[in-house]
Amino acid sequence: MTANLVDKGIIGKNLPYIWQTGGKMLLVSALGLLAAFGNIYFASHQAMQVGQRLRAMLFAKVLTLSDEESAALASPL
């Protein structure tokens, strides 16, 4: 695409072709930027869900400890 821009646009002094090709290049760049933002949002959302599940599992385990187990964990050896 860049080679055509130089060959047909700059060397051929075709200003409309330069604007058209430049617009296409900007559009492709903008789509890439939107995809990157979407990826960041999705990844952070998934990471938050994993953290919430992990905390829920940990707290459920802590709540099921018996009094003897918690006393044994609290006393030094």
C-alpha atoms as a PDB file:
ATOM      1  CA  MET A   1       0.000   0.000   0.000  1.00  0.00           C
ATOM      2  CA  THR A   2       2.806   2.395   0.850  1.00  0.00           C
ATOM      3  CA  ALA A   3       4.661   1.538  -2.353  1.00  0.00           C
ATOM      4  CA  ASN A   4       1.533   2.279  -4.392  1.00  0.00           C
ATOM      5  CA  LEU A   5       1.114   5.541  -2.514  1.00  0.00           C
ATOM      6  CA  VAL A   6       4.590   6.595  -3.571  1.00  0.00           C
ATOM      7  CA  ASP A   7       4.377   5.232  -7.139  1.00  0.00           C
ATOM      8  CA  LYS A   8       0.867   6.314  -8.080  1.00  0.00           C
ATOM      9  CA  GLY A   9       0.385   9.254  -5.744  1.00  0.00           C
ATOM     10  CA  ILE A  10       3.628  11.089  -5.138  1.00  0.00           C
ATOM     11  CA  ILE A  11       5.518  10.281  -8.325  1.00  0.00           C
ATOM     12  CA  GLY A  12       2.344  10.538 -10.429  1.00  0.00           C
ATOM     13  CA  LYS A  13       1.365  13.765  -8.625  1.00  0.00           C
ATOM     14  CA  ASN A  14      -2.132  12.353  -8.043  1.00  0.00           C
ATOM     15  CA  LEU A  15      -3.385  14.290  -5.016  1.00  0.00           C
ATOM     16  CA  PRO A  16      -6.825  12.578  -4.804  1.00  0.00           C
ATOM     17  CA  TYR A  17      -5.117   9.170  -4.734  1.00  0.00           C
ATOM     18  CA  ILE A  18      -2.840  10.354  -1.915  1.00  0.00           C
ATOM     19  CA  TRP A  19      -5.836  11.523   0.155  1.00  0.00           C
ATOM     20  CA  GLN A  20      -7.814   8.352  -0.550  1.00  0.00           C
ATOM     21  CA  THR A  21      -4.953   6.023   0.324  1.00  0.00           C
ATOM     22  CA  GLY A  22      -4.026   8.077   3.383  1.00  0.00           C
ATOM     23  CA  GLY A  23      -7.634   7.903   4.564  1.00  0.00           C
ATOM     24  CA  LYS A  24      -7.639   4.122   4.191  1.00  0.00           C
ATOM     25  CA  MET A  25      -4.399   3.886   6.158  1.00  0.00           C
ATOM     26  CA  LEU A  26      -5.853   6.045   8.940  1.00  0.00           C
ATOM     27  CA  LEU A  27      -8.977   3.885   9.031  1.00  0.00           C
ATOM     28  CA  VAL A  28      -6.918   0.708   9.403  1.00  0.00           C
ATOM     29  CA  SER A  29      -4.898   2.337  12.190  1.00  0.00           C
ATOM     30  CA  ALA A  30      -8.071   3.439  13.993  1.00  0.00           C
ATOM     31  CA  LEU A  31      -9.512  -0.077  13.777  1.00  0.00           C
ATOM     32  CA  GLY A  32      -6.302  -1.456  15.264  1.00  0.00           C
ATOM     33  CA  LEU A  33      -6.526   1.047  18.094  1.00  0.00           C
ATOM     34  CA  LEU A  34     -10.151   0.099  18.810  1.00  0.00           C
ATOM     35  CA  ALA A  35      -9.202  -3.576  18.827  1.00  0.00           C
ATOM     36  CA  ALA A  36      -6.396  -2.868  21.312  1.00  0.00           C
ATOM     37  CA  PHE A  37      -8.754  -1.011  23.661  1.00  0.00           C
ATOM     38  CA  GLY A  38     -11.277  -3.842  23.396  1.00  0.00           C
ATOM     39  CA  ASN A  39      -8.575  -6.361  24.217  1.00  0.00           C
ATOM     40  CA  ILE A  40      -7.483  -4.373  27.283  1.00  0.00           C
ATOM     41  CA  TYR A  41     -11.080  -4.122  28.523  1.00  0.00           C
ATOM     42  CA  PHE A  42     -11.727  -7.840  28.007  1.00  0.00           C
ATOM     43  CA  ALA A  43      -8.476  -8.914  29.676  1.00  0.00           C
ATOM     44  CA  SER A  44      -8.982  -6.672  32.709  1.00  0.00           C
ATOM     45  CA  HIS A  45     -12.580  -7.845  33.077  1.00  0.00           C
ATOM     46  CA  GLN A  46     -11.478 -11.489  33.006  1.00  0.00           C
ATOM     47  CA  ALA A  47      -8.675 -10.817  35.512  1.00  0.00           C
ATOM     48  CA  MET A  48     -11.126  -9.164  37.913  1.00  0.00           C
ATOM     49  CA  GLN A  49     -13.466 -12.137  37.674  1.00  0.00           C
ATOM     50  CA  VAL A  50     -10.641 -14.573  38.428  1.00  0.00           C
ATOM     51  CA  GLY A  51      -9.644 -12.494  41.465  1.00  0.00           C
ATOM     52  CA  GLN A  52     -13.216 -12.416  42.735  1.00  0.00           C
ATOM     53  CA  ARG A  53     -13.593 -16.181  42.369  1.00  0.00           C
ATOM     54  CA  LEU A  54     -10.268 -16.789  44.093  1.00  0.00           C
ATOM     55  CA  ARG A  55     -11.201 -14.539  47.023  1.00  0.00           C
ATOM     56  CA  ALA A  56     -14.607 -16.206  47.322  1.00  0.00           C
ATOM     57  CA  MET A  57     -13.012 -19.660  47.411  1.00  0.00           C
ATOM     58  CA  LEU A  58     -10.432 -18.533  49.972  1.00  0.00           C
ATOM     59  CA  PHE A  59     -13.019 -16.911  52.241  1.00  0.00           C
ATOM     60  CA  ALA A  60     -15.254 -19.994  51.990  1.00  0.00           C
ATOM     61  CA  LYS A  61     -12.308 -22.147  53.066  1.00  0.00           C
ATOM     62  CA  VAL A  62     -11.479 -19.830  55.963  1.00  0.00           C
ATOM     63  CA  LEU A  63     -15.084 -19.890  57.167  1.00  0.00           C
ATOM     64  CA  THR A  64     -15.123 -23.702  57.204  1.00  0.00           C
ATOM     65  CA  LEU A  65     -12.125 -24.007  59.515  1.00  0.00           C
ATOM     66  CA  SER A  66     -13.083 -25.559  62.816  1.00  0.00           C
ATOM     67  CA  ASP A  67     -12.263 -24.000  66.151  1.00  0.00           C
ATOM     68  CA  GLU A  68      -9.505 -26.585  66.774  1.00  0.00           C
ATOM     69  CA  GLU A  69      -7.902 -25.926  63.389  1.00  0.00           C
ATOM     70  CA  SER A  70      -7.954 -22.190  63.903  1.00  0.00           C
ATOM     71  CA  ALA A  71      -6.560 -22.572  67.428  1.00  0.00           C
ATOM     72  CA  ALA A  72      -3.802 -24.844  66.103  1.00  0.00           C
ATOM     73  CA  LEU A  73      -2.946 -22.311  63.428  1.00  0.00           C
ATOM     74  CA  ALA A  74      -2.870 -19.449  65.922  1.00  0.00           C
ATOM     75  CA  SER A  75      -0.661 -21.118  68.538  1.00  0.00           C
ATOM     76  CA  PRO A  76       3.095 -21.147  68.022  1.00  0.00           C
ATOM     77  CA  LEU A  77       4.861 -24.495  67.707  1.00  0.00           C
END
